[in-house]
Amino acid sequence: MKRLKIILPILTVLTVAFIWGNSLMPGDMSSLESNFIFELLRSLPGGSLITEHFVRKAAHFTEYMLLGILCCADFKAYGKSGFGYVLIALYICLVTAAADESIQLFTADRNGALLDVWLDHAGSITGSAAFQTVYAAVKSRHGNTSAKKST
């Protein structure tokens, strides 16, 4: 558990750095990166249905889903639990998303969008809910296993 107390916050900071680093990329570089992923996905079966817009929005959602998972895991690693800590984790994600879109307002050929803040936050809520669900299931299973051993 001690390693997680070190590793998880580092991963969280690196994730935020990755997100904000992408926002600092000028529009043309960002488009090239998105286009690479877009072409890769289009080569898959059913890929003709995928649009570049979908790829860009899915990237937003996925980055923040990971951030939601990491923020909740950070609190769990430090023994903090309860709905209040989930709300704090989600607030951190929301502020990160708002800052992310604000960065884009000052980046060449980019624009910040309130809709993207909402999409980012939906990703963080999904990640947080997924983490809490998996954590509760593992804890419940672990509890049931130890109960069976004692009988």
N, C-alpha and C. Protein backbone atom coordinates (compact mmCIF):
# COMPACT_ATOMS: atom_id res chain seq x y z
N MET A 1 0.82 -1.20 0.00
CA MET A 1 0.00 0.00 0.00
C MET A 1 0.86 1.26 0.00
N LYS A 2 2.05 1.17 0.60
CA LYS A 2 2.93 2.34 0.65
C LYS A 2 3.35 2.76 -0.76
N ARG A 3 3.58 1.77 -1.62
CA ARG A 3 3.97 2.09 -3.00
C ARG A 3 2.85 2.81 -3.73
N LEU A 4 1.62 2.37 -3.48
CA LEU A 4 0.47 3.02 -4.13
C LEU A 4 0.35 4.48 -3.72
N LYS A 5 0.71 4.79 -2.46
CA LYS A 5 0.65 6.17 -1.99
C LYS A 5 1.62 7.07 -2.74
N ILE A 6 2.63 6.48 -3.33
CA ILE A 6 3.61 7.24 -4.12
C ILE A 6 3.25 7.19 -5.59
N ILE A 7 2.95 5.99 -6.08
CA ILE A 7 2.73 5.78 -7.51
C ILE A 7 1.46 6.46 -8.01
N LEU A 8 0.35 6.31 -7.29
CA LEU A 8 -0.93 6.85 -7.76
C LEU A 8 -0.92 8.38 -7.92
N PRO A 9 -0.44 9.14 -6.93
CA PRO A 9 -0.39 10.59 -7.16
C PRO A 9 0.52 10.98 -8.32
N ILE A 10 1.61 10.25 -8.50
CA ILE A 10 2.49 10.54 -9.64
C ILE A 10 1.76 10.29 -10.95
N LEU A 11 1.04 9.16 -11.03
CA LEU A 11 0.26 8.86 -12.23
C LEU A 11 -0.82 9.92 -12.47
N THR A 12 -1.42 10.40 -11.40
CA THR A 12 -2.44 11.44 -11.51
C THR A 12 -1.86 12.73 -12.08
N VAL A 13 -0.72 13.14 -11.54
CA VAL A 13 -0.05 14.36 -12.03
C VAL A 13 0.39 14.18 -13.48
N LEU A 14 0.91 13.02 -13.82
CA LEU A 14 1.32 12.76 -15.21
C LEU A 14 0.13 12.78 -16.16
N THR A 15 -1.02 12.29 -15.69
CA THR A 15 -2.22 12.32 -16.51
C THR A 15 -2.67 13.75 -16.77
N VAL A 16 -2.67 14.57 -15.73
CA VAL A 16 -3.02 15.99 -15.90
C VAL A 16 -2.02 16.67 -16.82
N ALA A 17 -0.74 16.37 -16.67
CA ALA A 17 0.29 16.95 -17.55
C ALA A 17 0.05 16.53 -18.99
N PHE A 18 -0.32 15.28 -19.20
CA PHE A 18 -0.62 14.80 -20.56
C PHE A 18 -1.81 15.55 -21.14
N ILE A 19 -2.87 15.68 -20.35
CA ILE A 19 -4.08 16.38 -20.80
C ILE A 19 -3.75 17.83 -21.15
N TRP A 20 -3.10 18.52 -20.23
CA TRP A 20 -2.79 19.93 -20.47
C TRP A 20 -1.75 20.08 -21.58
N GLY A 21 -0.84 19.12 -21.68
CA GLY A 21 0.15 19.16 -22.78
C GLY A 21 -0.54 19.08 -24.13
N ASN A 22 -1.57 18.25 -24.23
CA ASN A 22 -2.33 18.17 -25.48
C ASN A 22 -3.04 19.49 -25.78
N SER A 23 -3.50 20.17 -24.74
CA SER A 23 -4.19 21.45 -24.94
C SER A 23 -3.23 22.55 -25.36
N LEU A 24 -1.97 22.41 -25.02
CA LEU A 24 -0.97 23.41 -25.42
C LEU A 24 -0.49 23.22 -26.86
N MET A 25 -0.86 22.08 -27.47
CA MET A 25 -0.48 21.82 -28.86
C MET A 25 -1.27 22.72 -29.79
N PRO A 26 -0.60 23.38 -30.72
CA PRO A 26 -1.34 24.18 -31.71
C PRO A 26 -2.32 23.29 -32.48
N GLY A 27 -3.33 23.92 -33.04
CA GLY A 27 -4.40 23.20 -33.72
C GLY A 27 -3.93 22.24 -34.80
N ASP A 28 -2.95 22.67 -35.61
CA ASP A 28 -2.50 21.80 -36.69
C ASP A 28 -1.82 20.53 -36.16
N MET A 29 -1.03 20.66 -35.09
CA MET A 29 -0.39 19.48 -34.50
C MET A 29 -1.42 18.56 -33.86
N SER A 30 -2.39 19.16 -33.20
CA SER A 30 -3.44 18.38 -32.57
C SER A 30 -4.24 17.61 -33.61
N SER A 31 -4.51 18.25 -34.74
CA SER A 31 -5.24 17.59 -35.83
C SER A 31 -4.45 16.42 -36.39
N LEU A 32 -3.14 16.59 -36.53
CA LEU A 32 -2.31 15.49 -37.03
C LEU A 32 -2.38 14.29 -36.10
N GLU A 33 -2.31 14.55 -34.81
CA GLU A 33 -2.37 13.48 -33.82
C GLU A 33 -3.74 12.79 -33.86
N SER A 34 -4.80 13.56 -33.91
CA SER A 34 -6.14 12.99 -33.98
C SER A 34 -6.33 12.21 -35.28
N ASN A 35 -5.79 12.76 -36.36
CA ASN A 35 -5.94 12.11 -37.66
C ASN A 35 -5.24 10.75 -37.68
N PHE A 36 -4.10 10.63 -36.99
CA PHE A 36 -3.40 9.34 -36.91
C PHE A 36 -4.29 8.30 -36.26
N ILE A 37 -4.90 8.65 -35.13
CA ILE A 37 -5.79 7.73 -34.42
C ILE A 37 -7.03 7.44 -35.27
N PHE A 38 -7.54 8.49 -35.90
CA PHE A 38 -8.72 8.36 -36.77
C PHE A 38 -8.47 7.35 -37.88
N GLU A 39 -7.35 7.48 -38.57
CA GLU A 39 -7.03 6.55 -39.66
C GLU A 39 -6.82 5.13 -39.14
N LEU A 40 -6.20 5.01 -37.99
CA LEU A 40 -5.99 3.70 -37.38
C LEU A 40 -7.33 3.02 -37.09
N LEU A 41 -8.26 3.76 -36.50
CA LEU A 41 -9.57 3.21 -36.17
C LEU A 41 -10.40 2.91 -37.42
N ARG A 42 -10.24 3.73 -38.44
CA ARG A 42 -11.00 3.51 -39.69
C ARG A 42 -10.57 2.24 -40.40
N SER A 43 -9.37 1.77 -40.11
CA SER A 43 -8.89 0.55 -40.75
C SER A 43 -9.48 -0.71 -40.09
N LEU A 44 -10.12 -0.56 -38.96
CA LEU A 44 -10.74 -1.69 -38.26
C LEU A 44 -12.10 -2.01 -38.87
N PRO A 45 -12.58 -3.24 -38.68
CA PRO A 45 -13.93 -3.56 -39.16
C PRO A 45 -14.96 -2.60 -38.55
N GLY A 46 -15.82 -2.06 -39.38
CA GLY A 46 -16.82 -1.10 -38.94
C GLY A 46 -16.27 0.30 -38.77
N GLY A 47 -14.99 0.48 -39.07
CA GLY A 47 -14.34 1.77 -38.88
C GLY A 47 -14.85 2.88 -39.78
N SER A 48 -15.54 2.51 -40.85
CA SER A 48 -16.06 3.54 -41.76
C SER A 48 -17.13 4.40 -41.08
N LEU A 49 -17.66 3.92 -39.97
CA LEU A 49 -18.69 4.67 -39.25
C LEU A 49 -18.10 5.73 -38.33
N ILE A 50 -16.79 5.67 -38.11
CA ILE A 50 -16.12 6.57 -37.16
C ILE A 50 -15.77 7.89 -37.85
N THR A 51 -16.02 8.99 -37.14
CA THR A 51 -15.66 10.31 -37.65
C THR A 51 -14.52 10.89 -36.81
N GLU A 52 -13.83 11.87 -37.38
CA GLU A 52 -12.75 12.52 -36.63
C GLU A 52 -13.33 13.23 -35.40
N HIS A 53 -14.51 13.79 -35.54
CA HIS A 53 -15.16 14.45 -34.40
C HIS A 53 -15.37 13.45 -33.26
N PHE A 54 -15.83 12.25 -33.60
CA PHE A 54 -16.03 11.21 -32.59
C PHE A 54 -14.72 10.87 -31.90
N VAL A 55 -13.64 10.74 -32.68
CA VAL A 55 -12.33 10.39 -32.11
C VAL A 55 -11.89 11.46 -31.12
N ARG A 56 -12.06 12.73 -31.49
CA ARG A 56 -11.64 13.81 -30.61
C ARG A 56 -12.46 13.82 -29.31
N LYS A 57 -13.75 13.64 -29.43
CA LYS A 57 -14.61 13.66 -28.23
C LYS A 57 -14.38 12.42 -27.38
N ALA A 58 -14.15 11.28 -28.01
CA ALA A 58 -13.87 10.05 -27.25
C ALA A 58 -12.55 10.20 -26.49
N ALA A 59 -11.60 10.90 -27.08
CA ALA A 59 -10.31 11.14 -26.40
C ALA A 59 -10.54 11.97 -25.14
N HIS A 60 -11.35 13.02 -25.25
CA HIS A 60 -11.68 13.84 -24.08
C HIS A 60 -12.28 12.96 -22.99
N PHE A 61 -13.30 12.22 -23.35
CA PHE A 61 -14.01 11.38 -22.38
C PHE A 61 -13.06 10.38 -21.72
N THR A 62 -12.23 9.72 -22.52
CA THR A 62 -11.34 8.67 -22.02
C THR A 62 -10.27 9.23 -21.10
N GLU A 63 -9.67 10.36 -21.47
CA GLU A 63 -8.65 10.97 -20.61
C GLU A 63 -9.22 11.28 -19.23
N TYR A 64 -10.40 11.83 -19.22
CA TYR A 64 -11.00 12.22 -17.94
C TYR A 64 -11.59 11.04 -17.18
N MET A 65 -11.96 9.98 -17.90
CA MET A 65 -12.38 8.76 -17.21
C MET A 65 -11.19 8.21 -16.42
N LEU A 66 -10.02 8.20 -17.06
CA LEU A 66 -8.80 7.76 -16.37
C LEU A 66 -8.50 8.67 -15.18
N LEU A 67 -8.64 9.97 -15.36
CA LEU A 67 -8.38 10.90 -14.26
C LEU A 67 -9.35 10.66 -13.10
N GLY A 68 -10.62 10.40 -13.41
CA GLY A 68 -11.60 10.11 -12.35
C GLY A 68 -11.22 8.86 -11.57
N ILE A 69 -10.76 7.82 -12.28
CA ILE A 69 -10.32 6.60 -11.62
C ILE A 69 -9.13 6.89 -10.72
N LEU A 70 -8.15 7.61 -11.26
CA LEU A 70 -6.93 7.88 -10.49
C LEU A 70 -7.20 8.75 -9.27
N CYS A 71 -8.03 9.77 -9.41
CA CYS A 71 -8.33 10.64 -8.26
C CYS A 71 -9.01 9.85 -7.14
N CYS A 72 -9.95 8.99 -7.49
CA CYS A 72 -10.61 8.17 -6.46
C CYS A 72 -9.63 7.18 -5.86
N ALA A 73 -8.78 6.59 -6.70
CA ALA A 73 -7.78 5.63 -6.20
C ALA A 73 -6.79 6.31 -5.27
N ASP A 74 -6.44 7.57 -5.56
CA ASP A 74 -5.54 8.33 -4.68
C ASP A 74 -6.11 8.40 -3.26
N PHE A 75 -7.38 8.78 -3.17
CA PHE A 75 -8.00 8.89 -1.85
C PHE A 75 -8.06 7.54 -1.15
N LYS A 76 -8.42 6.49 -1.88
CA LYS A 76 -8.48 5.14 -1.28
C LYS A 76 -7.10 4.71 -0.78
N ALA A 77 -6.05 5.02 -1.54
CA ALA A 77 -4.69 4.63 -1.14
C ALA A 77 -4.31 5.28 0.18
N TYR A 78 -4.84 6.46 0.45
CA TYR A 78 -4.55 7.15 1.70
C TYR A 78 -5.60 6.87 2.77
N GLY A 79 -6.45 5.87 2.53
CA GLY A 79 -7.43 5.46 3.54
C GLY A 79 -8.63 6.38 3.64
N LYS A 80 -8.81 7.24 2.67
CA LYS A 80 -9.95 8.16 2.68
C LYS A 80 -11.06 7.57 1.84
N SER A 81 -12.24 7.48 2.41
CA SER A 81 -13.36 6.94 1.65
C SER A 81 -14.63 7.69 2.03
N GLY A 82 -15.68 7.35 1.36
CA GLY A 82 -16.96 8.01 1.60
C GLY A 82 -17.32 8.92 0.45
N PHE A 83 -18.58 9.27 0.41
CA PHE A 83 -19.11 10.07 -0.69
C PHE A 83 -18.44 11.45 -0.77
N GLY A 84 -18.09 12.02 0.37
CA GLY A 84 -17.43 13.33 0.39
C GLY A 84 -16.12 13.33 -0.38
N TYR A 85 -15.36 12.25 -0.26
CA TYR A 85 -14.08 12.17 -0.97
C TYR A 85 -14.29 11.94 -2.46
N VAL A 86 -15.36 11.25 -2.82
CA VAL A 86 -15.69 11.10 -4.23
C VAL A 86 -16.02 12.47 -4.82
N LEU A 87 -16.78 13.26 -4.07
CA LEU A 87 -17.12 14.61 -4.54
C LEU A 87 -15.87 15.48 -4.69
N ILE A 88 -14.94 15.35 -3.75
CA ILE A 88 -13.68 16.11 -3.86
C ILE A 88 -12.91 15.68 -5.11
N ALA A 89 -12.85 14.36 -5.34
CA ALA A 89 -12.16 13.85 -6.54
C ALA A 89 -12.82 14.40 -7.80
N LEU A 90 -14.14 14.40 -7.83
CA LEU A 90 -14.85 14.92 -9.00
C LEU A 90 -14.66 16.43 -9.17
N TYR A 91 -14.57 17.14 -8.06
CA TYR A 91 -14.31 18.58 -8.12
C TYR A 91 -12.93 18.84 -8.71
N ILE A 92 -11.95 18.05 -8.30
CA ILE A 92 -10.60 18.17 -8.85
C ILE A 92 -10.64 17.95 -10.37
N CYS A 93 -11.39 16.94 -10.79
CA CYS A 93 -11.51 16.66 -12.23
C CYS A 93 -12.20 17.81 -12.97
N LEU A 94 -13.23 18.38 -12.35
CA LEU A 94 -13.95 19.49 -12.98
C LEU A 94 -13.06 20.72 -13.13
N VAL A 95 -12.31 21.03 -12.09
CA VAL A 95 -11.39 22.18 -12.16
C VAL A 95 -10.32 21.93 -13.22
N THR A 96 -9.83 20.69 -13.29
CA THR A 96 -8.84 20.33 -14.30
C THR A 96 -9.42 20.52 -15.70
N ALA A 97 -10.67 20.11 -15.90
CA ALA A 97 -11.32 20.26 -17.20
C ALA A 97 -11.52 21.72 -17.57
N ALA A 98 -11.94 22.53 -16.61
CA ALA A 98 -12.12 23.96 -16.87
C ALA A 98 -10.79 24.62 -17.21
N ALA A 99 -9.74 24.26 -16.48
CA ALA A 99 -8.41 24.80 -16.78
C ALA A 99 -7.94 24.34 -18.16
N ASP A 100 -8.23 23.08 -18.48
CA ASP A 100 -7.86 22.51 -19.78
C ASP A 100 -8.46 23.32 -20.93
N GLU A 101 -9.74 23.58 -20.84
CA GLU A 101 -10.40 24.34 -21.89
C GLU A 101 -9.95 25.80 -21.89
N SER A 102 -9.60 26.34 -20.73
CA SER A 102 -9.08 27.71 -20.66
C SER A 102 -7.72 27.81 -21.34
N ILE A 103 -6.89 26.79 -21.16
CA ILE A 103 -5.58 26.76 -21.83
C ILE A 103 -5.77 26.86 -23.34
N GLN A 104 -6.78 26.16 -23.86
CA GLN A 104 -7.00 26.15 -25.30
C GLN A 104 -7.41 27.53 -25.84
N LEU A 105 -7.96 28.37 -24.98
CA LEU A 105 -8.33 29.73 -25.41
C LEU A 105 -7.10 30.55 -25.79
N PHE A 106 -5.94 30.17 -25.23
CA PHE A 106 -4.70 30.92 -25.46
C PHE A 106 -3.71 30.15 -26.34
N THR A 107 -4.17 29.07 -26.97
CA THR A 107 -3.31 28.25 -27.82
C THR A 107 -3.68 28.49 -29.27
N ALA A 108 -2.67 28.60 -30.13
CA ALA A 108 -2.88 28.90 -31.55
C ALA A 108 -3.81 27.89 -32.20
N ASP A 109 -4.78 28.40 -32.94
CA ASP A 109 -5.73 27.59 -33.71
C ASP A 109 -6.55 26.62 -32.84
N ARG A 110 -6.77 26.97 -31.60
CA ARG A 110 -7.59 26.14 -30.70
C ARG A 110 -8.67 27.02 -30.11
N ASN A 111 -9.69 26.40 -29.59
CA ASN A 111 -10.72 27.15 -28.86
C ASN A 111 -11.24 26.28 -27.73
N GLY A 112 -11.46 26.90 -26.59
CA GLY A 112 -12.03 26.21 -25.46
C GLY A 112 -13.54 26.14 -25.62
N ALA A 113 -14.13 25.07 -25.12
CA ALA A 113 -15.57 24.92 -25.28
C ALA A 113 -16.19 24.41 -23.98
N LEU A 114 -17.25 25.07 -23.56
CA LEU A 114 -17.96 24.66 -22.36
C LEU A 114 -18.50 23.23 -22.51
N LEU A 115 -18.95 22.89 -23.71
CA LEU A 115 -19.44 21.54 -23.97
C LEU A 115 -18.36 20.49 -23.69
N ASP A 116 -17.11 20.82 -23.99
CA ASP A 116 -16.02 19.89 -23.70
C ASP A 116 -15.78 19.73 -22.21
N VAL A 117 -15.99 20.80 -21.44
CA VAL A 117 -15.88 20.68 -19.98
C VAL A 117 -16.92 19.69 -19.48
N TRP A 118 -18.13 19.79 -20.00
CA TRP A 118 -19.19 18.87 -19.59
C TRP A 118 -18.85 17.44 -20.00
N LEU A 119 -18.34 17.27 -21.22
CA LEU A 119 -17.96 15.94 -21.69
C LEU A 119 -16.82 15.37 -20.85
N ASP A 120 -15.83 16.20 -20.56
CA ASP A 120 -14.71 15.78 -19.70
C ASP A 120 -15.24 15.33 -18.34
N HIS A 121 -16.12 16.13 -17.78
CA HIS A 121 -16.64 15.81 -16.46
C HIS A 121 -17.49 14.54 -16.48
N ALA A 122 -18.22 14.33 -17.56
CA ALA A 122 -18.97 13.07 -17.70
C ALA A 122 -18.00 11.90 -17.69
N GLY A 123 -16.85 12.05 -18.34
CA GLY A 123 -15.83 11.01 -18.31
C GLY A 123 -15.32 10.77 -16.90
N SER A 124 -15.07 11.84 -16.16
CA SER A 124 -14.57 11.67 -14.79
C SER A 124 -15.62 11.05 -13.87
N ILE A 125 -16.88 11.39 -14.08
CA ILE A 125 -17.95 10.77 -13.30
C ILE A 125 -18.03 9.28 -13.62
N THR A 126 -17.92 8.94 -14.89
CA THR A 126 -17.94 7.54 -15.31
C THR A 126 -16.77 6.77 -14.71
N GLY A 127 -15.57 7.37 -14.77
CA GLY A 127 -14.39 6.72 -14.20
C GLY A 127 -14.51 6.54 -12.70
N SER A 128 -15.02 7.55 -12.03
CA SER A 128 -15.21 7.48 -10.59
C SER A 128 -16.22 6.40 -10.22
N ALA A 129 -17.32 6.36 -10.96
CA ALA A 129 -18.36 5.35 -10.70
C ALA A 129 -17.81 3.94 -10.97
N ALA A 130 -17.05 3.80 -12.05
CA ALA A 130 -16.46 2.49 -12.36
C ALA A 130 -15.50 2.06 -11.26
N PHE A 131 -14.67 3.00 -10.80
CA PHE A 131 -13.72 2.67 -9.73
C PHE A 131 -14.47 2.24 -8.47
N GLN A 132 -15.46 3.03 -8.08
CA GLN A 132 -16.20 2.72 -6.85
C GLN A 132 -16.90 1.37 -6.96
N THR A 133 -17.46 1.07 -8.14
CA THR A 133 -18.16 -0.20 -8.35
C THR A 133 -17.20 -1.38 -8.25
N VAL A 134 -16.07 -1.28 -8.95
CA VAL A 134 -15.09 -2.36 -8.93
C VAL A 134 -14.50 -2.52 -7.54
N TYR A 135 -14.19 -1.40 -6.89
CA TYR A 135 -13.63 -1.46 -5.53
C TYR A 135 -14.60 -2.15 -4.57
N ALA A 136 -15.88 -1.77 -4.65
CA ALA A 136 -16.89 -2.38 -3.76
C ALA A 136 -17.05 -3.87 -4.06
N ALA A 137 -17.01 -4.25 -5.34
CA ALA A 137 -17.16 -5.66 -5.70
C ALA A 137 -15.96 -6.47 -5.20
N VAL A 138 -14.77 -5.94 -5.37
CA VAL A 138 -13.57 -6.64 -4.89
C VAL A 138 -13.59 -6.75 -3.38
N LYS A 139 -13.94 -5.66 -2.71
CA LYS A 139 -14.01 -5.66 -1.25
C LYS A 139 -15.06 -6.66 -0.76
N SER A 140 -16.21 -6.68 -1.42
CA SER A 140 -17.28 -7.61 -1.04
C SER A 140 -16.84 -9.05 -1.27
N ARG A 141 -16.21 -9.30 -2.38
CA ARG A 141 -15.74 -10.65 -2.68
C ARG A 141 -14.66 -11.08 -1.69
N HIS A 142 -13.77 -10.16 -1.39
CA HIS A 142 -12.71 -10.45 -0.43
C HIS A 142 -13.31 -10.73 0.95
N GLY A 143 -14.32 -9.95 1.32
CA GLY A 143 -15.00 -10.15 2.59
C GLY A 143 -15.71 -11.50 2.64
N ASN A 144 -16.36 -11.87 1.53
CA ASN A 144 -17.05 -13.16 1.47
C ASN A 144 -16.06 -14.31 1.51
N THR A 145 -14.90 -14.14 0.89
CA THR A 145 -13.88 -15.20 0.89
C THR A 145 -13.36 -15.43 2.29
N SER A 146 -13.09 -14.34 3.02
CA SER A 146 -12.56 -14.50 4.38
C SER A 146 -13.61 -15.08 5.31
N ALA A 147 -14.90 -14.78 5.04
CA ALA A 147 -15.97 -15.33 5.86
C ALA A 147 -16.05 -16.85 5.66
N LYS A 148 -15.87 -17.29 4.41
CA LYS A 148 -15.91 -18.73 4.13
C LYS A 148 -14.75 -19.46 4.76
N LYS A 149 -13.59 -18.82 4.83
CA LYS A 149 -12.40 -19.46 5.43
C LYS A 149 -12.59 -19.66 6.93
N SER A 150 -13.32 -18.77 7.58
CA SER A 150 -13.46 -18.88 9.03
C SER A 150 -14.47 -19.94 9.46
N THR A 151 -15.31 -20.42 8.51
CA THR A 151 -16.28 -21.46 8.86
C THR A 151 -15.76 -22.86 8.67
